[in-house]
N, C-alpha and C. Protein backbone atom coordinates (compact mmCIF):
# COMPACT_ATOMS: atom_id res chain seq x y z
N MET A 1 -24.96 -51.06 155.50
CA MET A 1 -25.05 -51.65 156.87
C MET A 1 -26.48 -52.21 157.31
N ALA A 2 -26.63 -53.16 157.71
CA ALA A 2 -27.99 -53.74 158.14
C ALA A 2 -28.42 -52.85 159.37
N GLN A 3 -29.79 -52.70 159.41
CA GLN A 3 -30.41 -52.15 160.47
C GLN A 3 -30.72 -53.12 161.49
N GLU A 4 -31.00 -52.31 162.71
CA GLU A 4 -31.14 -53.26 164.04
C GLU A 4 -32.55 -54.03 163.70
N GLY A 5 -32.43 -55.35 164.16
CA GLY A 5 -33.45 -56.27 164.02
C GLY A 5 -33.29 -57.14 162.61
N SER A 6 -32.24 -56.59 161.91
CA SER A 6 -32.17 -57.46 160.72
C SER A 6 -31.15 -58.76 161.05
N ALA A 7 -31.38 -59.84 160.21
CA ALA A 7 -30.62 -60.95 160.55
C ALA A 7 -29.02 -60.68 160.47
N ARG A 8 -28.76 -59.61 159.87
CA ARG A 8 -27.29 -59.34 159.73
C ARG A 8 -26.64 -58.62 160.74
N VAL A 9 -27.28 -58.07 161.77
CA VAL A 9 -26.78 -57.48 162.89
C VAL A 9 -26.35 -58.27 164.06
N GLY A 10 -25.08 -58.31 164.29
CA GLY A 10 -24.59 -58.77 165.43
C GLY A 10 -25.00 -60.30 165.61
N TYR A 11 -25.34 -60.81 166.90
CA TYR A 11 -25.78 -62.09 167.11
C TYR A 11 -27.33 -62.07 167.13
N PHE A 12 -27.86 -63.20 166.51
CA PHE A 12 -29.28 -63.29 166.65
C PHE A 12 -29.47 -63.28 168.19
N ARG A 13 -30.96 -62.87 168.27
CA ARG A 13 -31.48 -62.91 169.65
C ARG A 13 -32.52 -63.82 169.83
N GLY A 14 -32.56 -64.78 170.91
CA GLY A 14 -33.55 -65.49 171.41
C GLY A 14 -34.23 -66.22 170.21
N ASP A 15 -35.41 -66.12 170.13
CA ASP A 15 -36.34 -66.83 169.50
C ASP A 15 -36.19 -66.64 167.72
N GLN A 16 -35.63 -65.23 167.56
CA GLN A 16 -35.41 -65.12 166.18
C GLN A 16 -34.64 -66.12 165.33
N LEU A 17 -33.53 -66.44 166.01
CA LEU A 17 -32.77 -67.46 165.42
C LEU A 17 -33.24 -68.83 165.35
N GLU A 18 -34.13 -69.16 166.08
CA GLU A 18 -34.55 -70.43 166.17
C GLU A 18 -35.95 -70.58 165.24
N LEU A 19 -36.48 -69.63 164.43
CA LEU A 19 -37.54 -69.90 163.73
C LEU A 19 -37.58 -70.99 162.84
N GLY A 20 -36.53 -70.97 161.91
CA GLY A 20 -36.42 -72.11 161.13
C GLY A 20 -36.28 -73.56 161.70
N LEU A 21 -35.53 -73.45 162.87
CA LEU A 21 -35.41 -74.81 163.64
C LEU A 21 -36.74 -75.32 164.16
N ARG A 22 -37.65 -74.30 164.56
CA ARG A 22 -38.75 -74.89 165.10
C ARG A 22 -39.80 -75.71 164.07
N TYR A 23 -39.49 -75.16 162.85
CA TYR A 23 -40.11 -75.81 161.59
C TYR A 23 -39.52 -77.23 161.30
N ALA A 24 -38.13 -77.29 161.09
CA ALA A 24 -37.45 -78.33 160.91
C ALA A 24 -37.65 -79.50 162.05
N TYR A 25 -37.97 -79.07 163.21
CA TYR A 25 -38.11 -79.99 164.33
C TYR A 25 -39.49 -79.97 164.72
N ARG A 26 -40.32 -80.02 163.91
CA ARG A 26 -41.82 -80.10 164.25
C ARG A 26 -42.19 -81.30 165.09
N PRO A 27 -43.14 -81.19 165.94
CA PRO A 27 -43.34 -82.23 167.11
C PRO A 27 -43.74 -83.73 166.31
N GLU A 28 -44.15 -83.67 165.09
CA GLU A 28 -44.43 -85.26 164.39
C GLU A 28 -43.16 -85.74 164.00
N PHE A 29 -42.07 -84.87 163.90
CA PHE A 29 -40.82 -85.44 163.38
C PHE A 29 -39.69 -85.87 164.45
N VAL A 30 -40.01 -85.30 165.85
CA VAL A 30 -39.01 -85.38 166.75
C VAL A 30 -38.95 -86.78 167.18
N PRO A 31 -39.89 -87.67 167.25
CA PRO A 31 -39.65 -89.13 167.66
C PRO A 31 -38.83 -89.88 166.57
N LEU A 32 -39.16 -89.54 165.18
CA LEU A 32 -38.28 -90.08 164.19
C LEU A 32 -36.79 -89.53 164.30
N PHE A 33 -36.63 -88.30 164.67
CA PHE A 33 -35.38 -87.91 164.85
C PHE A 33 -34.55 -88.39 165.88
N MET A 34 -35.20 -88.56 167.06
CA MET A 34 -34.57 -89.13 168.29
C MET A 34 -34.21 -90.63 167.92
N ASP A 35 -34.98 -91.21 167.19
CA ASP A 35 -34.68 -92.72 166.89
C ASP A 35 -33.29 -92.69 165.98
N TYR A 36 -33.50 -91.88 164.98
CA TYR A 36 -32.40 -91.72 164.15
C TYR A 36 -31.14 -91.43 164.77
N LEU A 37 -31.15 -90.58 165.74
CA LEU A 37 -29.75 -90.24 166.60
C LEU A 37 -29.42 -91.32 167.36
N GLY A 38 -30.29 -92.25 167.74
CA GLY A 38 -29.93 -93.27 168.75
C GLY A 38 -30.01 -92.58 170.24
N ALA A 39 -30.78 -91.55 170.31
CA ALA A 39 -30.91 -90.83 171.69
C ALA A 39 -31.76 -91.59 172.65
N ARG A 40 -31.08 -91.86 173.84
CA ARG A 40 -31.92 -92.74 174.56
C ARG A 40 -32.03 -91.99 176.07
N PRO A 41 -32.91 -92.22 177.09
CA PRO A 41 -32.93 -91.62 178.26
C PRO A 41 -31.61 -92.00 178.94
N HIS A 42 -31.28 -90.96 179.92
CA HIS A 42 -29.93 -91.30 180.80
C HIS A 42 -28.59 -91.25 179.93
N SER A 43 -28.77 -90.81 178.66
CA SER A 43 -27.45 -90.79 177.89
C SER A 43 -26.67 -89.42 178.25
N ARG A 44 -25.48 -89.50 177.92
CA ARG A 44 -24.51 -88.38 177.92
C ARG A 44 -24.20 -88.09 176.49
N ILE A 45 -24.71 -86.72 176.12
CA ILE A 45 -24.76 -86.29 174.67
C ILE A 45 -23.98 -85.00 174.48
N LEU A 46 -23.29 -85.08 173.44
CA LEU A 46 -22.48 -83.87 173.20
C LEU A 46 -22.99 -83.30 171.71
N GLU A 47 -23.24 -82.08 171.86
CA GLU A 47 -23.86 -81.28 170.73
C GLU A 47 -22.59 -80.54 170.26
N VAL A 48 -22.01 -80.53 169.25
CA VAL A 48 -21.00 -79.83 168.63
C VAL A 48 -21.51 -78.54 168.00
N GLY A 49 -21.06 -77.39 168.22
CA GLY A 49 -21.67 -76.39 167.52
C GLY A 49 -22.99 -75.85 168.15
N THR A 50 -23.20 -75.86 169.45
CA THR A 50 -24.41 -75.90 170.03
C THR A 50 -25.20 -74.54 169.97
N GLY A 51 -24.53 -73.31 169.55
CA GLY A 51 -25.19 -72.16 169.39
C GLY A 51 -26.19 -71.75 170.47
N THR A 52 -27.50 -71.62 170.27
CA THR A 52 -28.39 -71.45 171.05
C THR A 52 -28.88 -72.47 172.05
N ALA A 53 -28.20 -73.61 171.80
CA ALA A 53 -28.62 -74.99 172.47
C ALA A 53 -30.18 -75.59 172.32
N PHE A 54 -30.51 -75.08 171.02
CA PHE A 54 -31.89 -75.61 170.49
C PHE A 54 -31.93 -77.03 170.66
N LEU A 55 -31.04 -77.69 170.07
CA LEU A 55 -31.11 -79.22 169.94
C LEU A 55 -30.73 -79.82 171.46
N ALA A 56 -29.88 -79.04 172.12
CA ALA A 56 -29.55 -79.70 173.47
C ALA A 56 -30.74 -79.39 174.16
N ARG A 57 -31.56 -78.44 174.20
CA ARG A 57 -32.81 -78.15 175.00
C ARG A 57 -33.92 -79.12 174.57
N LEU A 58 -33.99 -79.41 173.26
CA LEU A 58 -35.05 -80.42 172.75
C LEU A 58 -34.73 -81.74 173.29
N LEU A 59 -33.49 -82.24 173.38
CA LEU A 59 -32.98 -83.59 173.75
C LEU A 59 -33.27 -83.64 175.21
N ALA A 60 -32.87 -82.48 176.03
CA ALA A 60 -33.11 -82.47 177.43
C ALA A 60 -34.56 -82.58 177.87
N ARG A 61 -35.62 -81.79 177.05
CA ARG A 61 -36.85 -82.01 177.31
C ARG A 61 -37.54 -83.25 177.12
N LYS A 62 -37.09 -84.07 175.99
CA LYS A 62 -37.69 -85.14 175.51
C LYS A 62 -37.09 -86.62 176.15
N LEU A 63 -35.93 -86.57 176.72
CA LEU A 63 -35.39 -87.56 177.45
C LEU A 63 -35.06 -87.58 178.76
N ASP A 64 -35.62 -88.51 179.59
CA ASP A 64 -35.48 -88.59 180.95
C ASP A 64 -33.93 -88.57 181.36
N GLY A 65 -33.40 -87.81 182.35
CA GLY A 65 -32.34 -88.00 182.83
C GLY A 65 -31.04 -87.88 181.88
N VAL A 66 -31.41 -87.44 180.64
CA VAL A 66 -30.20 -87.01 179.71
C VAL A 66 -29.13 -85.88 180.18
N GLN A 67 -28.01 -85.97 179.96
CA GLN A 67 -27.15 -84.85 180.32
C GLN A 67 -26.43 -84.54 178.83
N VAL A 68 -26.46 -83.20 178.66
CA VAL A 68 -26.05 -82.66 177.36
C VAL A 68 -25.09 -81.40 177.62
N THR A 69 -23.92 -81.67 176.86
CA THR A 69 -22.90 -80.74 176.95
C THR A 69 -22.81 -80.03 175.51
N GLY A 70 -23.00 -78.72 175.59
CA GLY A 70 -23.10 -78.09 174.33
C GLY A 70 -21.51 -77.49 174.12
N LEU A 71 -20.96 -77.66 173.07
CA LEU A 71 -19.58 -77.14 172.66
C LEU A 71 -19.72 -76.18 171.62
N ASP A 72 -19.12 -75.00 171.88
CA ASP A 72 -19.12 -74.07 170.82
C ASP A 72 -17.75 -73.20 170.97
N THR A 73 -17.32 -72.57 169.97
CA THR A 73 -16.17 -71.74 169.94
C THR A 73 -16.64 -70.41 170.43
N ASP A 74 -17.75 -70.08 170.37
CA ASP A 74 -18.41 -68.65 170.38
C ASP A 74 -19.07 -68.38 171.81
N VAL A 75 -18.21 -67.86 172.89
CA VAL A 75 -18.85 -67.69 174.07
C VAL A 75 -19.62 -66.60 174.15
N ASN A 76 -19.85 -65.78 173.30
CA ASN A 76 -20.97 -64.82 173.20
C ASN A 76 -22.43 -65.60 173.28
N MET A 77 -22.37 -66.88 172.58
CA MET A 77 -23.73 -67.40 172.24
C MET A 77 -24.14 -68.13 173.75
N PHE A 78 -23.14 -68.59 174.51
CA PHE A 78 -23.24 -69.22 175.81
C PHE A 78 -24.14 -68.25 176.66
N GLU A 79 -24.18 -67.05 176.71
CA GLU A 79 -25.09 -66.08 177.39
C GLU A 79 -26.53 -66.24 177.05
N LEU A 80 -26.66 -66.22 175.78
CA LEU A 80 -28.13 -66.48 175.22
C LEU A 80 -28.38 -67.60 175.41
N ALA A 81 -27.74 -68.73 175.19
CA ALA A 81 -28.09 -70.13 175.28
C ALA A 81 -28.42 -70.48 176.78
N GLY A 82 -27.57 -69.85 177.66
CA GLY A 82 -27.79 -70.19 179.22
C GLY A 82 -29.11 -69.54 179.63
N GLN A 83 -29.45 -68.32 179.02
CA GLN A 83 -30.73 -67.70 179.34
C GLN A 83 -32.01 -68.57 178.86
N MET A 84 -31.74 -69.12 177.90
CA MET A 84 -32.73 -70.06 177.22
C MET A 84 -32.90 -71.40 177.84
N VAL A 85 -31.78 -71.76 178.44
CA VAL A 85 -31.85 -73.15 179.12
C VAL A 85 -32.63 -72.83 180.40
N GLU A 86 -32.29 -71.75 181.18
CA GLU A 86 -32.75 -71.40 182.44
C GLU A 86 -34.31 -71.17 182.35
N ARG A 87 -34.68 -70.37 181.08
CA ARG A 87 -36.17 -70.30 180.91
C ARG A 87 -36.78 -71.46 180.85
N ASP A 88 -36.26 -72.47 180.14
CA ASP A 88 -36.92 -73.80 180.04
C ASP A 88 -36.75 -74.65 181.14
N GLY A 89 -36.21 -74.24 182.07
CA GLY A 89 -36.07 -75.13 183.63
C GLY A 89 -35.00 -76.39 183.22
N LEU A 90 -33.96 -76.09 182.38
CA LEU A 90 -33.24 -77.27 181.92
C LEU A 90 -31.72 -77.26 182.46
N ALA A 91 -31.49 -76.19 183.38
CA ALA A 91 -30.01 -75.93 183.91
C ALA A 91 -29.58 -77.15 184.34
N GLY A 92 -30.23 -77.96 184.99
CA GLY A 92 -29.46 -79.30 185.56
C GLY A 92 -29.06 -80.39 184.68
N GLN A 93 -29.55 -80.20 183.34
CA GLN A 93 -29.16 -81.10 182.32
C GLN A 93 -28.29 -80.52 181.18
N ILE A 94 -27.98 -79.38 181.10
CA ILE A 94 -27.31 -78.85 180.05
C ILE A 94 -26.15 -78.14 180.55
N THR A 95 -24.95 -78.32 180.15
CA THR A 95 -23.82 -77.55 180.34
C THR A 95 -23.10 -77.00 179.02
N PHE A 96 -22.27 -75.99 179.20
CA PHE A 96 -21.59 -75.30 178.12
C PHE A 96 -20.20 -75.39 178.23
N VAL A 97 -19.45 -75.89 177.21
CA VAL A 97 -17.96 -75.67 177.14
C VAL A 97 -17.53 -74.94 175.76
N GLN A 98 -16.49 -74.18 176.15
CA GLN A 98 -15.92 -73.56 174.88
C GLN A 98 -14.67 -74.56 174.48
N GLY A 99 -14.79 -74.56 173.15
CA GLY A 99 -13.78 -75.47 172.55
C GLY A 99 -13.80 -75.63 171.12
N ASP A 100 -12.62 -76.23 170.58
CA ASP A 100 -12.45 -76.23 169.23
C ASP A 100 -12.88 -77.57 168.65
N THR A 101 -13.62 -77.71 167.76
CA THR A 101 -14.21 -79.18 167.14
C THR A 101 -13.10 -79.91 166.72
N SER A 102 -11.91 -79.26 166.35
CA SER A 102 -10.79 -79.97 165.63
C SER A 102 -10.04 -80.68 166.78
N GLN A 103 -10.14 -80.20 168.07
CA GLN A 103 -9.38 -80.73 169.09
C GLN A 103 -10.39 -80.77 170.35
N LEU A 104 -11.34 -81.79 170.40
CA LEU A 104 -12.46 -81.75 171.33
C LEU A 104 -11.60 -82.00 172.70
N PRO A 105 -12.09 -80.89 173.73
CA PRO A 105 -11.60 -81.00 175.05
C PRO A 105 -12.07 -81.96 176.11
N PHE A 106 -12.24 -83.18 175.65
CA PHE A 106 -12.90 -84.22 176.58
C PHE A 106 -12.26 -85.57 176.22
N PRO A 107 -11.97 -86.41 177.39
CA PRO A 107 -11.28 -87.65 177.19
C PRO A 107 -12.26 -88.67 176.26
N ASP A 108 -11.73 -89.51 175.80
CA ASP A 108 -12.24 -90.58 174.88
C ASP A 108 -13.41 -91.23 175.75
N ASN A 109 -14.56 -91.51 175.16
CA ASN A 109 -15.71 -92.20 175.86
C ASN A 109 -16.32 -91.46 176.87
N SER A 110 -16.25 -90.17 176.62
CA SER A 110 -16.94 -89.14 177.59
C SER A 110 -18.33 -89.11 177.36
N PHE A 111 -18.86 -89.58 176.08
CA PHE A 111 -20.33 -89.34 175.72
C PHE A 111 -20.81 -90.52 175.01
N ASP A 112 -22.17 -90.86 175.11
CA ASP A 112 -22.75 -92.13 174.56
C ASP A 112 -23.02 -91.59 173.05
N LEU A 113 -23.27 -90.46 172.83
CA LEU A 113 -23.69 -89.86 171.48
C LEU A 113 -23.06 -88.63 171.28
N ALA A 114 -22.67 -88.11 170.11
CA ALA A 114 -22.24 -86.85 169.62
C ALA A 114 -22.95 -86.48 168.36
N THR A 115 -23.51 -85.20 168.26
CA THR A 115 -24.19 -84.90 167.02
C THR A 115 -23.84 -83.33 166.79
N SER A 116 -23.91 -83.08 165.55
CA SER A 116 -23.62 -81.59 165.20
C SER A 116 -24.70 -81.35 163.84
N GLN A 117 -25.65 -80.43 164.38
CA GLN A 117 -26.80 -80.32 163.29
C GLN A 117 -26.63 -79.21 162.49
N ARG A 118 -25.86 -78.11 162.84
CA ARG A 118 -25.61 -76.80 162.20
C ARG A 118 -24.28 -76.36 161.89
N LEU A 119 -23.37 -76.99 162.25
CA LEU A 119 -21.89 -76.58 162.31
C LEU A 119 -21.37 -76.16 161.12
N LEU A 120 -21.66 -77.00 159.97
CA LEU A 120 -21.08 -76.69 158.72
C LEU A 120 -22.11 -75.72 157.99
């Protein structure tokens, strides 16, 4: 059995889960990534498999007026993600929905962009 603080104990907590993501999304790569996604200000964005909402928070910080919906099957992650969204002052821009990726709970054309960075 893994010890407390190990990556294998329960759910990752806060910043521990995001260490690798911070490296992958280094500041010099963020503009290239945004361009690659086609992410624009005032977009409605769906992040499938949001987890801690790392990408949702990145998009909300970098794009004026963007609205991001984080979809995940794991409601336990919503508490942690919600705390991080509040901490970052992004509560008005990010919402969470529990749902199955094989049957998205949204009408067609609800979003301008959908992304999934770590689902598989």
